[in-house]
């Protein structure tokens, strides 16, 4: 049976993996926005909205990351993504 510390570490690993995956999905959605602009405005808007919601989710969950180095790394990636979205 796992100890509380092992379960906490596993949950932290899963959270960090989820945040990285969500960042990747949001970056893909930002690329879709760039592609769809001028071609399919509705598609671009939907992709933008989903990316923005994803960024909000990441921001909320980021507070739960206990490892300061990993939290700062994810936060830096999030800031870059948010800047990209703001420029679209």
PDB file of N, CA and C in Angstrom:
ATOM      1  N   UNK A   1       0.838  -1.171   0.000  1.00  0.00           N
ATOM      2  CA  UNK A   1       0.000   0.000   0.000  1.00  0.00           C
ATOM      3  C   UNK A   1       0.893   1.248   0.000  1.00  0.00           C
ATOM      4  N   UNK A   2       0.494   2.253  -0.766  1.00  0.00           N
ATOM      5  CA  UNK A   2       1.280   3.476  -0.863  1.00  0.00           C
ATOM      6  C   UNK A   2       1.093   4.350   0.366  1.00  0.00           C
ATOM      7  N   UNK A   3       2.162   5.055   0.681  1.00  0.00           N
ATOM      8  CA  UNK A   3       2.080   6.005   1.794  1.00  0.00           C
ATOM      9  C   UNK A   3       1.428   7.296   1.295  1.00  0.00           C
ATOM     10  N   UNK A   4       1.064   8.141   2.231  1.00  0.00           N
ATOM     11  CA  UNK A   4       0.462   9.434   1.881  1.00  0.00           C
ATOM     12  C   UNK A   4       1.452  10.243   1.046  1.00  0.00           C
ATOM     13  N   UNK A   5       2.707  10.205   1.410  1.00  0.00           N
ATOM     14  CA  UNK A   5       3.729  10.951   0.670  1.00  0.00           C
ATOM     15  C   UNK A   5       3.843  10.443  -0.770  1.00  0.00           C
ATOM     16  N   UNK A   6       3.782   9.131  -0.954  1.00  0.00           N
ATOM     17  CA  UNK A   6       3.844   8.567  -2.305  1.00  0.00           C
ATOM     18  C   UNK A   6       2.620   8.952  -3.126  1.00  0.00           C
ATOM     19  N   UNK A   7       1.453   8.941  -2.503  1.00  0.00           N
ATOM     20  CA  UNK A   7       0.230   9.324  -3.216  1.00  0.00           C
ATOM     21  C   UNK A   7       0.257  10.815  -3.563  1.00  0.00           C
ATOM     22  N   UNK A   8       0.754  11.629  -2.654  1.00  0.00           N
ATOM     23  CA  UNK A   8       0.862  13.060  -2.916  1.00  0.00           C
ATOM     24  C   UNK A   8       1.819  13.315  -4.065  1.00  0.00           C
ATOM     25  N   UNK A   9       2.940  12.623  -4.068  1.00  0.00           N
ATOM     26  CA  UNK A   9       3.919  12.779  -5.146  1.00  0.00           C
ATOM     27  C   UNK A   9       3.329  12.338  -6.479  1.00  0.00           C
ATOM     28  N   UNK A  10       2.576  11.252  -6.485  1.00  0.00           N
ATOM     29  CA  UNK A  10       1.943  10.764  -7.708  1.00  0.00           C
ATOM     30  C   UNK A  10       0.910  11.767  -8.215  1.00  0.00           C
ATOM     31  N   UNK A  11       0.153  12.362  -7.293  1.00  0.00           N
ATOM     32  CA  UNK A  11      -0.843  13.364  -7.686  1.00  0.00           C
ATOM     33  C   UNK A  11      -0.154  14.608  -8.244  1.00  0.00           C
ATOM     34  N   UNK A  12       0.962  15.002  -7.659  1.00  0.00           N
ATOM     35  CA  UNK A  12       1.703  16.155  -8.169  1.00  0.00           C
ATOM     36  C   UNK A  12       2.244  15.874  -9.574  1.00  0.00           C
ATOM     37  N   UNK A  13       2.777  14.669  -9.771  1.00  0.00           N
ATOM     38  CA  UNK A  13       3.274  14.287 -11.092  1.00  0.00           C
ATOM     39  C   UNK A  13       2.160  14.309 -12.128  1.00  0.00           C
ATOM     40  N   UNK A  14       0.996  13.794 -11.757  1.00  0.00           N
ATOM     41  CA  UNK A  14      -0.149  13.776 -12.669  1.00  0.00           C
ATOM     42  C   UNK A  14      -0.614  15.197 -12.979  1.00  0.00           C
ATOM     43  N   UNK A  15      -0.634  16.060 -11.983  1.00  0.00           N
ATOM     44  CA  UNK A  15      -1.036  17.453 -12.180  1.00  0.00           C
ATOM     45  C   UNK A  15      -0.079  18.157 -13.134  1.00  0.00           C
ATOM     46  N   UNK A  16       1.204  17.976 -12.923  1.00  0.00           N
ATOM     47  CA  UNK A  16       2.208  18.613 -13.777  1.00  0.00           C
ATOM     48  C   UNK A  16       2.097  18.093 -15.204  1.00  0.00           C
ATOM     49  N   UNK A  17       1.900  16.802 -15.356  1.00  0.00           N
ATOM     50  CA  UNK A  17       1.731  16.223 -16.693  1.00  0.00           C
ATOM     51  C   UNK A  17       0.474  16.792 -17.356  1.00  0.00           C
ATOM     52  N   UNK A  18      -0.615  16.910 -16.609  1.00  0.00           N
ATOM     53  CA  UNK A  18      -1.845  17.477 -17.145  1.00  0.00           C
ATOM     54  C   UNK A  18      -1.623  18.918 -17.605  1.00  0.00           C
ATOM     55  N   UNK A  19      -0.943  19.709 -16.794  1.00  0.00           N
ATOM     56  CA  UNK A  19      -0.712  21.106 -17.152  1.00  0.00           C
ATOM     57  C   UNK A  19       0.128  21.227 -18.412  1.00  0.00           C
ATOM     58  N   UNK A  20       1.163  20.400 -18.540  1.00  0.00           N
ATOM     59  CA  UNK A  20       1.975  20.409 -19.761  1.00  0.00           C
ATOM     60  C   UNK A  20       1.134  20.007 -20.976  1.00  0.00           C
ATOM     61  N   UNK A  21       0.296  18.995 -20.802  1.00  0.00           N
ATOM     62  CA  UNK A  21      -0.564  18.546 -21.901  1.00  0.00           C
ATOM     63  C   UNK A  21      -1.555  19.632 -22.284  1.00  0.00           C
ATOM     64  N   UNK A  22      -2.150  20.275 -21.283  1.00  0.00           N
ATOM     65  CA  UNK A  22      -3.117  21.338 -21.560  1.00  0.00           C
ATOM     66  C   UNK A  22      -2.433  22.514 -22.249  1.00  0.00           C
ATOM     67  N   UNK A  23      -1.212  22.834 -21.851  1.00  0.00           N
ATOM     68  CA  UNK A  23      -0.453  23.891 -22.527  1.00  0.00           C
ATOM     69  C   UNK A  23      -0.247  23.545 -24.002  1.00  0.00           C
ATOM     70  N   UNK A  24       0.083  22.301 -24.264  1.00  0.00           N
ATOM     71  CA  UNK A  24       0.293  21.864 -25.647  1.00  0.00           C
ATOM     72  C   UNK A  24      -0.993  21.964 -26.459  1.00  0.00           C
ATOM     73  N   UNK A  25      -2.107  21.574 -25.856  1.00  0.00           N
ATOM     74  CA  UNK A  25      -3.400  21.674 -26.542  1.00  0.00           C
ATOM     75  C   UNK A  25      -3.723  23.136 -26.830  1.00  0.00           C
ATOM     76  N   UNK A  26      -3.512  23.995 -25.851  1.00  0.00           N
ATOM     77  CA  UNK A  26      -3.799  25.421 -26.043  1.00  0.00           C
ATOM     78  C   UNK A  26      -2.886  26.035 -27.107  1.00  0.00           C
ATOM     79  N   UNK A  27      -1.645  25.610 -27.160  1.00  0.00           N
ATOM     80  CA  UNK A  27      -0.728  26.104 -28.196  1.00  0.00           C
ATOM     81  C   UNK A  27      -1.198  25.648 -29.573  1.00  0.00           C
ATOM     82  N   UNK A  28      -1.690  24.436 -29.662  1.00  0.00           N
ATOM     83  CA  UNK A  28      -2.238  23.938 -30.925  1.00  0.00           C
ATOM     84  C   UNK A  28      -3.466  24.746 -31.323  1.00  0.00           C
ATOM     85  N   UNK A  29      -4.323  25.043 -30.358  1.00  0.00           N
ATOM     86  CA  UNK A  29      -5.505  25.854 -30.644  1.00  0.00           C
ATOM     87  C   UNK A  29      -5.101  27.261 -31.108  1.00  0.00           C
ATOM     88  N   UNK A  30      -4.053  27.823 -30.529  1.00  0.00           N
ATOM     89  CA  UNK A  30      -3.567  29.141 -30.967  1.00  0.00           C
ATOM     90  C   UNK A  30      -3.091  29.068 -32.414  1.00  0.00           C
ATOM     91  N   UNK A  31      -2.444  27.972 -32.782  1.00  0.00           N
ATOM     92  CA  UNK A  31      -2.012  27.789 -34.168  1.00  0.00           C
ATOM     93  C   UNK A  31      -3.214  27.661 -35.101  1.00  0.00           C
ATOM     94  N   UNK A  32      -4.262  27.002 -34.626  1.00  0.00           N
ATOM     95  CA  UNK A  32      -5.491  26.889 -35.412  1.00  0.00           C
ATOM     96  C   UNK A  32      -6.094  28.272 -35.638  1.00  0.00           C
ATOM     97  N   UNK A  33      -6.083  29.097 -34.606  1.00  0.00           N
ATOM     98  CA  UNK A  33      -6.603  30.466 -34.739  1.00  0.00           C
ATOM     99  C   UNK A  33      -5.849  31.190 -35.844  1.00  0.00           C
ATOM    100  N   UNK A  34      -4.524  31.106 -35.822  1.00  0.00           N
ATOM    101  CA  UNK A  34      -3.708  31.768 -36.849  1.00  0.00           C
ATOM    102  C   UNK A  34      -4.061  31.270 -38.244  1.00  0.00           C
ATOM    103  N   UNK A  35      -4.272  29.976 -38.374  1.00  0.00           N
ATOM    104  CA  UNK A  35      -4.599  29.378 -39.670  1.00  0.00           C
ATOM    105  C   UNK A  35      -5.992  29.786 -40.135  1.00  0.00           C
ATOM    106  N   UNK A  36      -6.933  29.810 -39.206  1.00  0.00           N
ATOM    107  CA  UNK A  36      -8.329  30.061 -39.556  1.00  0.00           C
ATOM    108  C   UNK A  36      -8.654  31.536 -39.786  1.00  0.00           C
ATOM    109  N   UNK A  37      -7.840  32.436 -39.247  1.00  0.00           N
ATOM    110  CA  UNK A  37      -8.120  33.863 -39.444  1.00  0.00           C
ATOM    111  C   UNK A  37      -8.169  34.177 -40.935  1.00  0.00           C
ATOM    112  N   UNK A  38      -9.222  34.808 -41.357  1.00  0.00           N
ATOM    113  CA  UNK A  38      -9.395  35.152 -42.756  1.00  0.00           C
ATOM    114  C   UNK A  38     -10.027  34.045 -43.584  1.00  0.00           C
ATOM    115  N   UNK A  39     -10.029  32.826 -43.065  1.00  0.00           N
ATOM    116  CA  UNK A  39     -10.624  31.698 -43.788  1.00  0.00           C
ATOM    117  C   UNK A  39     -11.965  31.314 -43.188  1.00  0.00           C
ATOM    118  N   UNK A  40     -11.962  31.164 -41.879  1.00  0.00           N
ATOM    119  CA  UNK A  40     -13.166  30.734 -41.163  1.00  0.00           C
ATOM    120  C   UNK A  40     -13.201  31.480 -39.840  1.00  0.00           C
ATOM    121  N   UNK A  41     -13.787  32.649 -39.844  1.00  0.00           N
ATOM    122  CA  UNK A  41     -13.801  33.491 -38.648  1.00  0.00           C
ATOM    123  C   UNK A  41     -14.457  32.793 -37.465  1.00  0.00           C
ATOM    124  N   UNK A  42     -15.535  32.049 -37.707  1.00  0.00           N
ATOM    125  CA  UNK A  42     -16.214  31.343 -36.624  1.00  0.00           C
ATOM    126  C   UNK A  42     -15.300  30.264 -36.035  1.00  0.00           C
ATOM    127  N   UNK A  43     -14.606  29.536 -36.892  1.00  0.00           N
ATOM    128  CA  UNK A  43     -13.670  28.521 -36.421  1.00  0.00           C
ATOM    129  C   UNK A  43     -12.532  29.137 -35.623  1.00  0.00           C
ATOM    130  N   UNK A  44     -12.051  30.282 -36.082  1.00  0.00           N
ATOM    131  CA  UNK A  44     -10.985  30.979 -35.363  1.00  0.00           C
ATOM    132  C   UNK A  44     -11.469  31.420 -33.981  1.00  0.00           C
ATOM    133  N   UNK A  45     -12.683  31.946 -33.929  1.00  0.00           N
ATOM    134  CA  UNK A  45     -13.238  32.412 -32.659  1.00  0.00           C
ATOM    135  C   UNK A  45     -13.430  31.251 -31.682  1.00  0.00           C
ATOM    136  N   UNK A  46     -13.918  30.133 -32.179  1.00  0.00           N
ATOM    137  CA  UNK A  46     -14.117  28.963 -31.320  1.00  0.00           C
ATOM    138  C   UNK A  46     -12.784  28.444 -30.784  1.00  0.00           C
ATOM    139  N   UNK A  47     -11.780  28.367 -31.634  1.00  0.00           N
ATOM    140  CA  UNK A  47     -10.460  27.903 -31.201  1.00  0.00           C
ATOM    141  C   UNK A  47      -9.860  28.873 -30.184  1.00  0.00           C
ATOM    142  N   UNK A  48     -10.022  30.167 -30.432  1.00  0.00           N
ATOM    143  CA  UNK A  48      -9.511  31.182 -29.508  1.00  0.00           C
ATOM    144  C   UNK A  48     -10.186  31.049 -28.144  1.00  0.00           C
ATOM    145  N   UNK A  49     -11.499  30.892 -28.148  1.00  0.00           N
ATOM    146  CA  UNK A  49     -12.249  30.760 -26.897  1.00  0.00           C
ATOM    147  C   UNK A  49     -11.799  29.538 -26.114  1.00  0.00           C
ATOM    148  N   UNK A  50     -11.606  28.432 -26.802  1.00  0.00           N
ATOM    149  CA  UNK A  50     -11.159  27.202 -26.129  1.00  0.00           C
ATOM    150  C   UNK A  50      -9.749  27.362 -25.568  1.00  0.00           C
ATOM    151  N   UNK A  51      -8.876  28.028 -26.326  1.00  0.00           N
ATOM    152  CA  UNK A  51      -7.507  28.261 -25.849  1.00  0.00           C
ATOM    153  C   UNK A  51      -7.517  29.168 -24.625  1.00  0.00           C
ATOM    154  N   UNK A  52      -8.331  30.213 -24.662  1.00  0.00           N
ATOM    155  CA  UNK A  52      -8.409  31.141 -23.530  1.00  0.00           C
ATOM    156  C   UNK A  52      -8.945  30.436 -22.286  1.00  0.00           C
ATOM    157  N   UNK A  53      -9.953  29.595 -22.459  1.00  0.00           N
ATOM    158  CA  UNK A  53     -10.493  28.819 -21.321  1.00  0.00           C
ATOM    159  C   UNK A  53      -9.433  27.865 -20.769  1.00  0.00           C
ATOM    160  N   UNK A  54      -8.691  27.263 -21.664  1.00  0.00           N
ATOM    161  CA  UNK A  54      -7.616  26.371 -21.228  1.00  0.00           C
ATOM    162  C   UNK A  54      -6.574  27.108 -20.406  1.00  0.00           C
ATOM    163  N   UNK A  55      -6.227  28.309 -20.839  1.00  0.00           N
ATOM    164  CA  UNK A  55      -5.264  29.123 -20.085  1.00  0.00           C
ATOM    165  C   UNK A  55      -5.803  29.461 -18.703  1.00  0.00           C
ATOM    166  N   UNK A  56      -7.089  29.752 -18.612  1.00  0.00           N
ATOM    167  CA  UNK A  56      -7.701  30.046 -17.310  1.00  0.00           C
ATOM    168  C   UNK A  56      -7.619  28.825 -16.392  1.00  0.00           C
ATOM    169  N   UNK A  57      -7.889  27.659 -16.948  1.00  0.00           N
ATOM    170  CA  UNK A  57      -7.815  26.427 -16.159  1.00  0.00           C
ATOM    171  C   UNK A  57      -6.393  26.191 -15.669  1.00  0.00           C
ATOM    172  N   UNK A  58      -5.431  26.373 -16.554  1.00  0.00           N
ATOM    173  CA  UNK A  58      -4.029  26.196 -16.176  1.00  0.00           C
ATOM    174  C   UNK A  58      -3.668  27.162 -15.053  1.00  0.00           C
ATOM    175  N   UNK A  59      -4.077  28.415 -15.193  1.00  0.00           N
ATOM    176  CA  UNK A  59      -3.789  29.432 -14.181  1.00  0.00           C
ATOM    177  C   UNK A  59      -4.354  29.021 -12.823  1.00  0.00           C
ATOM    178  N   UNK A  60      -5.565  28.507 -12.813  1.00  0.00           N
ATOM    179  CA  UNK A  60      -6.190  28.094 -11.552  1.00  0.00           C
ATOM    180  C   UNK A  60      -5.470  26.901 -10.929  1.00  0.00           C
ATOM    181  N   UNK A  61      -5.118  25.925 -11.752  1.00  0.00           N
ATOM    182  CA  UNK A  61      -4.483  24.712 -11.230  1.00  0.00           C
ATOM    183  C   UNK A  61      -3.013  24.913 -10.887  1.00  0.00           C
ATOM    184  N   UNK A  62      -2.411  25.901 -11.477  1.00  0.00           N
ATOM    185  CA  UNK A  62      -0.986  26.162 -11.267  1.00  0.00           C
ATOM    186  C   UNK A  62      -0.671  26.387  -9.795  1.00  0.00           C
ATOM    187  N   UNK A  63      -1.607  26.961  -9.072  1.00  0.00           N
ATOM    188  CA  UNK A  63      -1.404  27.240  -7.646  1.00  0.00           C
ATOM    189  C   UNK A  63      -1.217  25.961  -6.833  1.00  0.00           C
ATOM    190  N   UNK A  64      -1.662  24.846  -7.367  1.00  0.00           N
ATOM    191  CA  UNK A  64      -1.571  23.570  -6.639  1.00  0.00           C
ATOM    192  C   UNK A  64      -0.229  22.866  -6.822  1.00  0.00           C
ATOM    193  N   UNK A  65       0.603  23.358  -7.750  1.00  0.00           N
ATOM    194  CA  UNK A  65       1.916  22.740  -7.976  1.00  0.00           C
ATOM    195  C   UNK A  65       2.830  23.131  -6.817  1.00  0.00           C
ATOM    196  N   UNK A  66       3.343  22.136  -6.124  1.00  0.00           N
ATOM    197  CA  UNK A  66       4.150  22.385  -4.939  1.00  0.00           C
ATOM    198  C   UNK A  66       5.610  22.693  -5.271  1.00  0.00           C
ATOM    199  N   UNK A  67       6.131  22.121  -6.326  1.00  0.00           N
ATOM    200  CA  UNK A  67       7.520  22.344  -6.713  1.00  0.00           C
ATOM    201  C   UNK A  67       7.635  23.715  -7.376  1.00  0.00           C
ATOM    202  N   UNK A  68       8.312  24.640  -6.702  1.00  0.00           N
ATOM    203  CA  UNK A  68       8.408  26.020  -7.186  1.00  0.00           C
ATOM    204  C   UNK A  68       9.073  26.105  -8.561  1.00  0.00           C
ATOM    205  N   UNK A  69      10.081  25.306  -8.800  1.00  0.00           N
ATOM    206  CA  UNK A  69      10.780  25.336 -10.088  1.00  0.00           C
ATOM    207  C   UNK A  69       9.847  24.913 -11.208  1.00  0.00           C
ATOM    208  N   UNK A  70       9.115  23.840 -11.002  1.00  0.00           N
ATOM    209  CA  UNK A  70       8.182  23.369 -12.027  1.00  0.00           C
ATOM    210  C   UNK A  70       7.030  24.352 -12.207  1.00  0.00           C
ATOM    211  N   UNK A  71       6.565  24.934 -11.120  1.00  0.00           N
ATOM    212  CA  UNK A  71       5.487  25.924 -11.204  1.00  0.00           C
ATOM    213  C   UNK A  71       5.936  27.131 -12.032  1.00  0.00           C
ATOM    214  N   UNK A  72       7.154  27.611 -11.785  1.00  0.00           N
ATOM    215  CA  UNK A  72       7.673  28.759 -12.539  1.00  0.00           C
ATOM    216  C   UNK A  72       7.871  28.419 -14.010  1.00  0.00           C
ATOM    217  N   UNK A  73       8.294  27.200 -14.288  1.00  0.00           N
ATOM    218  CA  UNK A  73       8.483  26.749 -15.675  1.00  0.00           C
ATOM    219  C   UNK A  73       7.144  26.757 -16.424  1.00  0.00           C
ATOM    220  N   UNK A  74       6.138  26.193 -15.798  1.00  0.00           N
ATOM    221  CA  UNK A  74       4.811  26.142 -16.425  1.00  0.00           C
ATOM    222  C   UNK A  74       4.247  27.554 -16.547  1.00  0.00           C
ATOM    223  N   UNK A  75       4.451  28.379 -15.526  1.00  0.00           N
ATOM    224  CA  UNK A  75       3.961  29.750 -15.562  1.00  0.00           C
ATOM    225  C   UNK A  75       4.606  30.544 -16.701  1.00  0.00           C
ATOM    226  N   UNK A  76       5.895  30.318 -16.938  1.00  0.00           N
ATOM    227  CA  UNK A  76       6.583  31.005 -18.033  1.00  0.00           C
ATOM    228  C   UNK A  76       5.994  30.586 -19.388  1.00  0.00           C
ATOM    229  N   UNK A  77       5.746  29.289 -19.551  1.00  0.00           N
ATOM    230  CA  UNK A  77       5.132  28.807 -20.789  1.00  0.00           C
ATOM    231  C   UNK A  77       3.728  29.385 -20.953  1.00  0.00           C
ATOM    232  N   UNK A  78       2.990  29.451 -19.859  1.00  0.00           N
ATOM    233  CA  UNK A  78       1.640  30.008 -19.897  1.00  0.00           C
ATOM    234  C   UNK A  78       1.677  31.485 -20.291  1.00  0.00           C
ATOM    235  N   UNK A  79       2.615  32.221 -19.731  1.00  0.00           N
ATOM    236  CA  UNK A  79       2.735  33.646 -20.064  1.00  0.00           C
ATOM    237  C   UNK A  79       3.021  33.849 -21.548  1.00  0.00           C
ATOM    238  N   UNK A  80       3.880  33.017 -22.112  1.00  0.00           N
ATOM    239  CA  UNK A  80       4.175  33.105 -23.550  1.00  0.00           C
ATOM    240  C   UNK A  80       2.926  32.819 -24.379  1.00  0.00           C
ATOM    241  N   UNK A  81       2.194  31.812 -23.977  1.00  0.00           N
ATOM    242  CA  UNK A  81       0.974  31.443 -24.695  1.00  0.00           C
ATOM    243  C   UNK A  81      -0.071  32.553 -24.589  1.00  0.00           C
ATOM    244  N   UNK A  82      -0.232  33.117 -23.411  1.00  0.00           N
ATOM    245  CA  UNK A  82      -1.186  34.198 -23.230  1.00  0.00           C
ATOM    246  C   UNK A  82      -0.793  35.413 -24.066  1.00  0.00           C
ATOM    247  N   UNK A  83       0.487  35.694 -24.141  1.00  0.00           N
ATOM    248  CA  UNK A  83       0.956  36.813 -24.975  1.00  0.00           C
ATOM    249  C   UNK A  83       0.658  36.555 -26.444  1.00  0.00           C
ATOM    250  N   UNK A  84       0.844  35.307 -26.865  1.00  0.00           N
ATOM    251  CA  UNK A  84       0.537  34.949 -28.257  1.00  0.00           C
ATOM    252  C   UNK A  84      -0.947  35.142 -28.536  1.00  0.00           C
ATOM    253  N   UNK A  85      -1.788  34.679 -27.607  1.00  0.00           N
ATOM    254  CA  UNK A  85      -3.229  34.834 -27.792  1.00  0.00           C
ATOM    255  C   UNK A  85      -3.623  36.310 -27.797  1.00  0.00           C
ATOM    256  N   UNK A  86      -2.994  37.096 -26.957  1.00  0.00           N
ATOM    257  CA  UNK A  86      -3.316  38.530 -26.899  1.00  0.00           C
ATOM    258  C   UNK A  86      -2.954  39.229 -28.214  1.00  0.00           C
ATOM    259  N   UNK A  87      -1.959  38.675 -28.909  1.00  0.00           N
ATOM    260  CA  UNK A  87      -1.542  39.269 -30.175  1.00  0.00           C
ATOM    261  C   UNK A  87      -2.362  38.846 -31.375  1.00  0.00           C
ATOM    262  N   UNK A  88      -3.295  37.938 -31.177  1.00  0.00           N
ATOM    263  CA  UNK A  88      -4.101  37.448 -32.305  1.00  0.00           C
ATOM    264  C   UNK A  88      -5.317  38.307 -32.555  1.00  0.00           C
TER     265      UNK A  88
END
